[in-house]
Amino acid sequence: MEIIVGQKGLEEFNKINKGRMDQIHMRPMTEDEFLEHKIAGMEEIRAFCESLRTVHESHLVADPLKEIKEEKVAVFWCFTFDKDIIDEVKMYEMETGIKIVIMVEVLFDDLGKVMQKFVDEKYEPTQKDITWLKSLVDNLSIKGHWAAPMGFLFEKTGDDEITLIEVKNDKALFAICQTIKVGQVARIKVII
């Protein structure tokens, strides 16, 4: 498995591997994925590679030796991906015999900054968001927990204060950034 960043990363990858690849398949990123800063997971990568496997299996019937020998490369282009799936992708790559290259616009280590910038520039909390967060914090006791289904956990650490204590996946970062902004308007201190 290999991770490359953006168009420049793809150009470098192509230069290094020029003439070495028998088959290269690229999965484009959709406009919605880019605009929503969607984080790709194993499910999307597997769906793309399974469609390639179907093609390879049909080619095997026509020319088994050629298809087995050829190096197959799948370039999966996405905004970014969940770093918790790296080992799973490597295992899947060995199982399929397809070299998987994940082409990202943003490395997951920089995702928090990108999400915060996006929320700061594009997201405006509604009155409903503000009322909901105030009500949630008011109804929690000190040391009480708010466990969000998208994969994070806050603890109430003061009358108008919540502290992030657990993040289970990168998909939660966008919602955490939104919570920070809602907290600013609602006068609730959100500690990360």
C-alpha atoms as a PDB file:
ATOM      1  CA  MET A   1       0.000   0.000   0.000  1.00  0.00           C
ATOM      2  CA  GLU A   2       1.182   3.497  -0.810  1.00  0.00           C
ATOM      3  CA  ILE A   3      -0.162   6.939   0.069  1.00  0.00           C
ATOM      4  CA  ILE A   4       0.373   9.833  -2.329  1.00  0.00           C
ATOM      5  CA  VAL A   5      -0.746  13.448  -1.957  1.00  0.00           C
ATOM      6  CA  GLY A   6      -2.566  15.320  -4.715  1.00  0.00           C
ATOM      7  CA  GLN A   7      -1.805  15.708  -8.402  1.00  0.00           C
ATOM      8  CA  LYS A   8       1.909  16.287  -7.762  1.00  0.00           C
ATOM      9  CA  GLY A   9       2.072  13.030  -5.824  1.00  0.00           C
ATOM     10  CA  LEU A  10       0.424  11.214  -8.737  1.00  0.00           C
ATOM     11  CA  GLU A  11       2.872  12.746 -11.225  1.00  0.00           C
ATOM     12  CA  GLU A  12       5.811  11.594  -9.044  1.00  0.00           C
ATOM     13  CA  PHE A  13       4.280   8.134  -8.676  1.00  0.00           C
ATOM     14  CA  ASN A  14       3.848   7.847 -12.472  1.00  0.00           C
ATOM     15  CA  LYS A  15       7.445   9.008 -13.087  1.00  0.00           C
ATOM     16  CA  ILE A  16       8.889   6.454 -10.639  1.00  0.00           C
ATOM     17  CA  ASN A  17       6.706   3.611 -11.946  1.00  0.00           C
ATOM     18  CA  LYS A  18       6.781   4.482 -15.669  1.00  0.00           C
ATOM     19  CA  GLY A  19       6.890   1.314 -17.739  1.00  0.00           C
ATOM     20  CA  ARG A  20       6.583  -0.965 -14.673  1.00  0.00           C
ATOM     21  CA  MET A  21       2.802  -1.214 -14.424  1.00  0.00           C
ATOM     22  CA  ASP A  22       0.839  -3.544 -16.677  1.00  0.00           C
ATOM     23  CA  GLN A  23      -2.563  -2.286 -15.550  1.00  0.00           C
ATOM     24  CA  ILE A  24      -3.481   0.902 -13.699  1.00  0.00           C
ATOM     25  CA  HIS A  25      -7.038   1.647 -12.637  1.00  0.00           C
ATOM     26  CA  MET A  26      -8.048   4.996 -11.163  1.00  0.00           C
ATOM     27  CA  ARG A  27     -11.138   5.687  -9.126  1.00  0.00           C
ATOM     28  CA  PRO A  28     -11.999   9.408  -9.391  1.00  0.00           C
ATOM     29  CA  MET A  29     -13.169  11.484  -6.448  1.00  0.00           C
ATOM     30  CA  THR A  30     -16.633  13.000  -6.790  1.00  0.00           C
ATOM     31  CA  GLU A  31     -17.328  16.704  -6.385  1.00  0.00           C
ATOM     32  CA  ASP A  32     -19.552  15.963  -3.366  1.00  0.00           C
ATOM     33  CA  GLU A  33     -16.769  13.991  -1.669  1.00  0.00           C
ATOM     34  CA  PHE A  34     -14.424  16.937  -2.172  1.00  0.00           C
ATOM     35  CA  LEU A  35     -16.887  19.625  -1.045  1.00  0.00           C
ATOM     36  CA  GLU A  36     -18.013  17.614   1.992  1.00  0.00           C
ATOM     37  CA  HIS A  37     -14.417  16.665   2.890  1.00  0.00           C
ATOM     38  CA  LYS A  38     -15.609  13.062   3.031  1.00  0.00           C
ATOM     39  CA  ILE A  39     -13.345  10.595   4.776  1.00  0.00           C
ATOM     40  CA  ALA A  40     -13.083   7.330   2.836  1.00  0.00           C
ATOM     41  CA  GLY A  41     -13.172   3.999   4.625  1.00  0.00           C
ATOM     42  CA  MET A  42     -12.452   0.371   3.837  1.00  0.00           C
ATOM     43  CA  GLU A  43     -15.948  -0.120   2.402  1.00  0.00           C
ATOM     44  CA  GLU A  44     -15.329   2.305  -0.494  1.00  0.00           C
ATOM     45  CA  ILE A  45     -11.846   0.942  -1.203  1.00  0.00           C
ATOM     46  CA  ARG A  46     -13.129  -2.637  -1.191  1.00  0.00           C
ATOM     47  CA  ALA A  47     -16.051  -1.791  -3.523  1.00  0.00           C
ATOM     48  CA  PHE A  48     -13.635  -0.270  -6.057  1.00  0.00           C
ATOM     49  CA  CYS A  49     -11.176  -3.180  -5.887  1.00  0.00           C
ATOM     50  CA  GLU A  50     -13.938  -5.801  -6.090  1.00  0.00           C
ATOM     51  CA  SER A  51     -15.092  -4.308  -9.388  1.00  0.00           C
ATOM     52  CA  LEU A  52     -11.504  -4.668 -10.646  1.00  0.00           C
ATOM     53  CA  ARG A  53     -11.354  -8.274  -9.460  1.00  0.00           C
ATOM     54  CA  THR A  54     -14.460  -9.052 -11.524  1.00  0.00           C
ATOM     55  CA  VAL A  55     -12.732  -7.677 -14.632  1.00  0.00           C
ATOM     56  CA  HIS A  56      -9.538  -9.638 -13.875  1.00  0.00           C
ATOM     57  CA  GLU A  57     -11.449 -12.878 -13.348  1.00  0.00           C
ATOM     58  CA  SER A  58     -13.116 -12.538 -16.753  1.00  0.00           C
ATOM     59  CA  HIS A  59      -9.689 -11.869 -18.333  1.00  0.00           C
ATOM     60  CA  LEU A  60      -8.290 -14.966 -16.602  1.00  0.00           C
ATOM     61  CA  VAL A  61     -10.618 -17.116 -18.686  1.00  0.00           C
ATOM     62  CA  ALA A  62      -9.217 -15.625 -21.906  1.00  0.00           C
ATOM     63  CA  ASP A  63      -5.513 -15.622 -20.988  1.00  0.00           C
ATOM     64  CA  PRO A  64      -4.736 -17.081 -17.543  1.00  0.00           C
ATOM     65  CA  LEU A  65      -0.937 -16.767 -17.642  1.00  0.00           C
ATOM     66  CA  LYS A  66      -0.888 -13.160 -18.817  1.00  0.00           C
ATOM     67  CA  GLU A  67      -3.458 -12.051 -16.238  1.00  0.00           C
ATOM     68  CA  ILE A  68      -1.657 -13.760 -13.332  1.00  0.00           C
ATOM     69  CA  LYS A  69       1.722 -12.230 -14.248  1.00  0.00           C
ATOM     70  CA  GLU A  70       0.529  -8.680 -14.837  1.00  0.00           C
ATOM     71  CA  GLU A  71       0.986  -6.127 -12.080  1.00  0.00           C
ATOM     72  CA  LYS A  72      -2.333  -4.507 -11.266  1.00  0.00           C
ATOM     73  CA  VAL A  73      -2.413  -1.087  -9.580  1.00  0.00           C
ATOM     74  CA  ALA A  74      -5.538   0.523  -8.166  1.00  0.00           C
ATOM     75  CA  VAL A  75      -5.326   4.265  -7.476  1.00  0.00           C
ATOM     76  CA  PHE A  76      -8.102   5.274  -5.092  1.00  0.00           C
ATOM     77  CA  TRP A  77      -8.499   9.083  -5.142  1.00  0.00           C
ATOM     78  CA  CYS A  78     -10.214  10.613  -2.131  1.00  0.00           C
ATOM     79  CA  PHE A  79     -10.209  13.739   0.023  1.00  0.00           C
ATOM     80  CA  THR A  80      -8.617  11.744   2.838  1.00  0.00           C
ATOM     81  CA  PHE A  81      -9.155   8.398   4.520  1.00  0.00           C
ATOM     82  CA  ASP A  82      -9.547   6.870   7.945  1.00  0.00           C
ATOM     83  CA  LYS A  83      -6.049   6.071   9.209  1.00  0.00           C
ATOM     84  CA  ASP A  84      -7.401   3.162  11.283  1.00  0.00           C
ATOM     85  CA  ILE A  85      -7.830   1.092   8.105  1.00  0.00           C
ATOM     86  CA  ILE A  86      -4.159   1.023   7.017  1.00  0.00           C
ATOM     87  CA  ASP A  87      -3.506  -2.522   8.273  1.00  0.00           C
ATOM     88  CA  GLU A  88      -6.813  -3.705   6.807  1.00  0.00           C
ATOM     89  CA  VAL A  89      -5.910  -2.227   3.394  1.00  0.00           C
ATOM     90  CA  LYS A  90      -2.486  -3.939   3.493  1.00  0.00           C
ATOM     91  CA  MET A  91      -4.096  -7.326   4.273  1.00  0.00           C
ATOM     92  CA  TYR A  92      -6.687  -6.818   1.540  1.00  0.00           C
ATOM     93  CA  GLU A  93      -3.929  -5.863  -0.917  1.00  0.00           C
ATOM     94  CA  MET A  94      -2.127  -9.169  -0.213  1.00  0.00           C
ATOM     95  CA  GLU A  95      -5.384 -11.111  -0.563  1.00  0.00           C
ATOM     96  CA  THR A  96      -6.323  -9.568  -3.943  1.00  0.00           C
ATOM     97  CA  GLY A  97      -2.884  -9.243  -5.531  1.00  0.00           C
ATOM     98  CA  ILE A  98      -3.743  -5.651  -6.456  1.00  0.00           C
ATOM     99  CA  LYS A  99      -1.316  -2.908  -5.404  1.00  0.00           C
ATOM    100  CA  ILE A 100      -3.464  -0.258  -3.722  1.00  0.00           C
ATOM    101  CA  VAL A 101      -2.390   3.375  -3.933  1.00  0.00           C
ATOM    102  CA  ILE A 102      -4.444   5.877  -1.947  1.00  0.00           C
ATOM    103  CA  MET A 103      -4.241   9.340  -3.478  1.00  0.00           C
ATOM    104  CA  VAL A 104      -5.351  11.941  -0.936  1.00  0.00           C
ATOM    105  CA  GLU A 105      -5.873  15.664  -1.098  1.00  0.00           C
ATOM    106  CA  VAL A 106      -5.119  15.958   2.627  1.00  0.00           C
ATOM    107  CA  LEU A 107      -3.025  13.691   4.826  1.00  0.00           C
ATOM    108  CA  PHE A 108      -4.976  12.575   7.876  1.00  0.00           C
ATOM    109  CA  ASP A 109      -2.421  14.252  10.208  1.00  0.00           C
ATOM    110  CA  ASP A 110      -3.466  17.632   8.736  1.00  0.00           C
ATOM    111  CA  LEU A 111      -7.177  16.846   8.721  1.00  0.00           C
ATOM    112  CA  GLY A 112      -7.999  18.597  12.011  1.00  0.00           C
ATOM    113  CA  LYS A 113      -6.601  21.916  10.745  1.00  0.00           C
ATOM    114  CA  VAL A 114      -8.390  21.590   7.388  1.00  0.00           C
ATOM    115  CA  MET A 115     -11.717  20.739   9.046  1.00  0.00           C
ATOM    116  CA  GLN A 116     -11.396  23.653  11.513  1.00  0.00           C
ATOM    117  CA  LYS A 117     -10.627  26.098   8.677  1.00  0.00           C
ATOM    118  CA  PHE A 118     -13.587  24.793   6.651  1.00  0.00           C
ATOM    119  CA  VAL A 119     -15.971  25.119   9.628  1.00  0.00           C
ATOM    120  CA  ASP A 120     -14.649  28.604  10.491  1.00  0.00           C
ATOM    121  CA  GLU A 121     -15.203  29.821   6.924  1.00  0.00           C
ATOM    122  CA  LYS A 122     -18.337  27.938   5.840  1.00  0.00           C
ATOM    123  CA  TYR A 123     -20.389  26.852   8.869  1.00  0.00           C
ATOM    124  CA  GLU A 124     -22.793  29.103  10.724  1.00  0.00           C
ATOM    125  CA  PRO A 125     -24.595  27.573  13.731  1.00  0.00           C
ATOM    126  CA  THR A 126     -28.377  27.882  13.667  1.00  0.00           C
ATOM    127  CA  GLN A 127     -30.447  28.879  16.706  1.00  0.00           C
ATOM    128  CA  LYS A 128     -31.573  25.242  16.858  1.00  0.00           C
ATOM    129  CA  ASP A 129     -27.895  24.102  17.117  1.00  0.00           C
ATOM    130  CA  ILE A 130     -27.234  26.614  19.910  1.00  0.00           C
ATOM    131  CA  THR A 131     -30.371  25.695  21.879  1.00  0.00           C
ATOM    132  CA  TRP A 132     -29.640  21.977  21.466  1.00  0.00           C
ATOM    133  CA  LEU A 133     -26.051  22.238  22.796  1.00  0.00           C
ATOM    134  CA  LYS A 134     -27.106  24.503  25.721  1.00  0.00           C
ATOM    135  CA  SER A 135     -29.857  22.057  26.660  1.00  0.00           C
ATOM    136  CA  LEU A 136     -27.480  19.084  26.421  1.00  0.00           C
ATOM    137  CA  VAL A 137     -24.855  20.717  28.662  1.00  0.00           C
ATOM    138  CA  ASP A 138     -27.471  22.021  31.151  1.00  0.00           C
ATOM    139  CA  ASN A 139     -28.967  18.539  31.552  1.00  0.00           C
ATOM    140  CA  LEU A 140     -25.625  16.810  32.144  1.00  0.00           C
ATOM    141  CA  SER A 141     -24.266  16.544  35.672  1.00  0.00           C
ATOM    142  CA  ILE A 142     -20.618  17.438  36.303  1.00  0.00           C
ATOM    143  CA  LYS A 143     -18.523  14.442  35.116  1.00  0.00           C
ATOM    144  CA  GLY A 144     -21.516  13.333  33.016  1.00  0.00           C
ATOM    145  CA  HIS A 145     -20.774  12.136  29.479  1.00  0.00           C
ATOM    146  CA  TRP A 146     -22.077  13.005  26.029  1.00  0.00           C
ATOM    147  CA  ALA A 147     -21.353  10.108  23.662  1.00  0.00           C
ATOM    148  CA  ALA A 148     -21.999  11.071  20.046  1.00  0.00           C
ATOM    149  CA  PRO A 149     -22.879   8.306  17.558  1.00  0.00           C
ATOM    150  CA  MET A 150     -20.305   9.556  15.032  1.00  0.00           C
ATOM    151  CA  GLY A 151     -17.534   8.497  17.416  1.00  0.00           C
ATOM    152  CA  PHE A 152     -16.542  10.998  20.102  1.00  0.00           C
ATOM    153  CA  LEU A 153     -17.074  11.443  23.833  1.00  0.00           C
ATOM    154  CA  PHE A 154     -17.265  14.692  25.828  1.00  0.00           C
ATOM    155  CA  GLU A 155     -17.328  15.016  29.626  1.00  0.00           C
ATOM    156  CA  LYS A 156     -18.969  17.947  31.432  1.00  0.00           C
ATOM    157  CA  THR A 157     -16.106  19.498  33.401  1.00  0.00           C
ATOM    158  CA  GLY A 158     -17.762  22.735  34.560  1.00  0.00           C
ATOM    159  CA  ASP A 159     -21.126  24.513  34.588  1.00  0.00           C
ATOM    160  CA  ASP A 160     -20.685  25.740  31.024  1.00  0.00           C
ATOM    161  CA  GLU A 161     -17.735  23.586  29.990  1.00  0.00           C
ATOM    162  CA  ILE A 162     -17.258  20.287  28.203  1.00  0.00           C
ATOM    163  CA  THR A 163     -13.981  18.481  27.545  1.00  0.00           C
ATOM    164  CA  LEU A 164     -13.272  16.043  24.729  1.00  0.00           C
ATOM    165  CA  ILE A 165     -12.013  12.784  26.240  1.00  0.00           C
ATOM    166  CA  GLU A 166     -12.204  10.317  23.361  1.00  0.00           C
ATOM    167  CA  VAL A 167     -12.251  10.328  19.556  1.00  0.00           C
ATOM    168  CA  LYS A 168     -12.845   6.926  17.961  1.00  0.00           C
ATOM    169  CA  ASN A 169     -12.290   7.845  14.317  1.00  0.00           C
ATOM    170  CA  ASP A 170     -11.367  10.651  11.950  1.00  0.00           C
ATOM    171  CA  LYS A 171     -14.973  10.935  10.743  1.00  0.00           C
ATOM    172  CA  ALA A 172     -15.788  12.649  14.067  1.00  0.00           C
ATOM    173  CA  LEU A 173     -13.454  15.618  13.454  1.00  0.00           C
ATOM    174  CA  PHE A 174     -15.927  17.623  11.395  1.00  0.00           C
ATOM    175  CA  ALA A 175     -18.651  17.340  14.067  1.00  0.00           C
ATOM    176  CA  ILE A 176     -16.138  18.240  16.805  1.00  0.00           C
ATOM    177  CA  CYS A 177     -15.137  21.400  14.888  1.00  0.00           C
ATOM    178  CA  GLN A 178     -18.827  22.301  14.522  1.00  0.00           C
ATOM    179  CA  THR A 179     -19.337  21.746  18.273  1.00  0.00           C
ATOM    180  CA  ILE A 180     -16.469  24.153  19.034  1.00  0.00           C
ATOM    181  CA  LYS A 181     -18.105  26.847  16.882  1.00  0.00           C
ATOM    182  CA  VAL A 182     -21.582  26.282  18.369  1.00  0.00           C
ATOM    183  CA  GLY A 183     -20.002  26.422  21.829  1.00  0.00           C
ATOM    184  CA  GLN A 184     -18.439  29.821  21.075  1.00  0.00           C
ATOM    185  CA  VAL A 185     -21.846  31.275  20.154  1.00  0.00           C
ATOM    186  CA  ALA A 186     -23.642  29.498  23.045  1.00  0.00           C
ATOM    187  CA  ARG A 187     -20.970  30.641  25.563  1.00  0.00           C
ATOM    188  CA  ILE A 188     -20.010  27.067  26.357  1.00  0.00           C
ATOM    189  CA  LYS A 189     -16.299  26.362  26.676  1.00  0.00           C
ATOM    190  CA  VAL A 190     -15.382  23.379  24.505  1.00  0.00           C
ATOM    191  CA  ILE A 191     -11.968  22.010  25.502  1.00  0.00           C
ATOM    192  CA  ILE A 192     -10.139  19.787  23.040  1.00  0.00           C
END
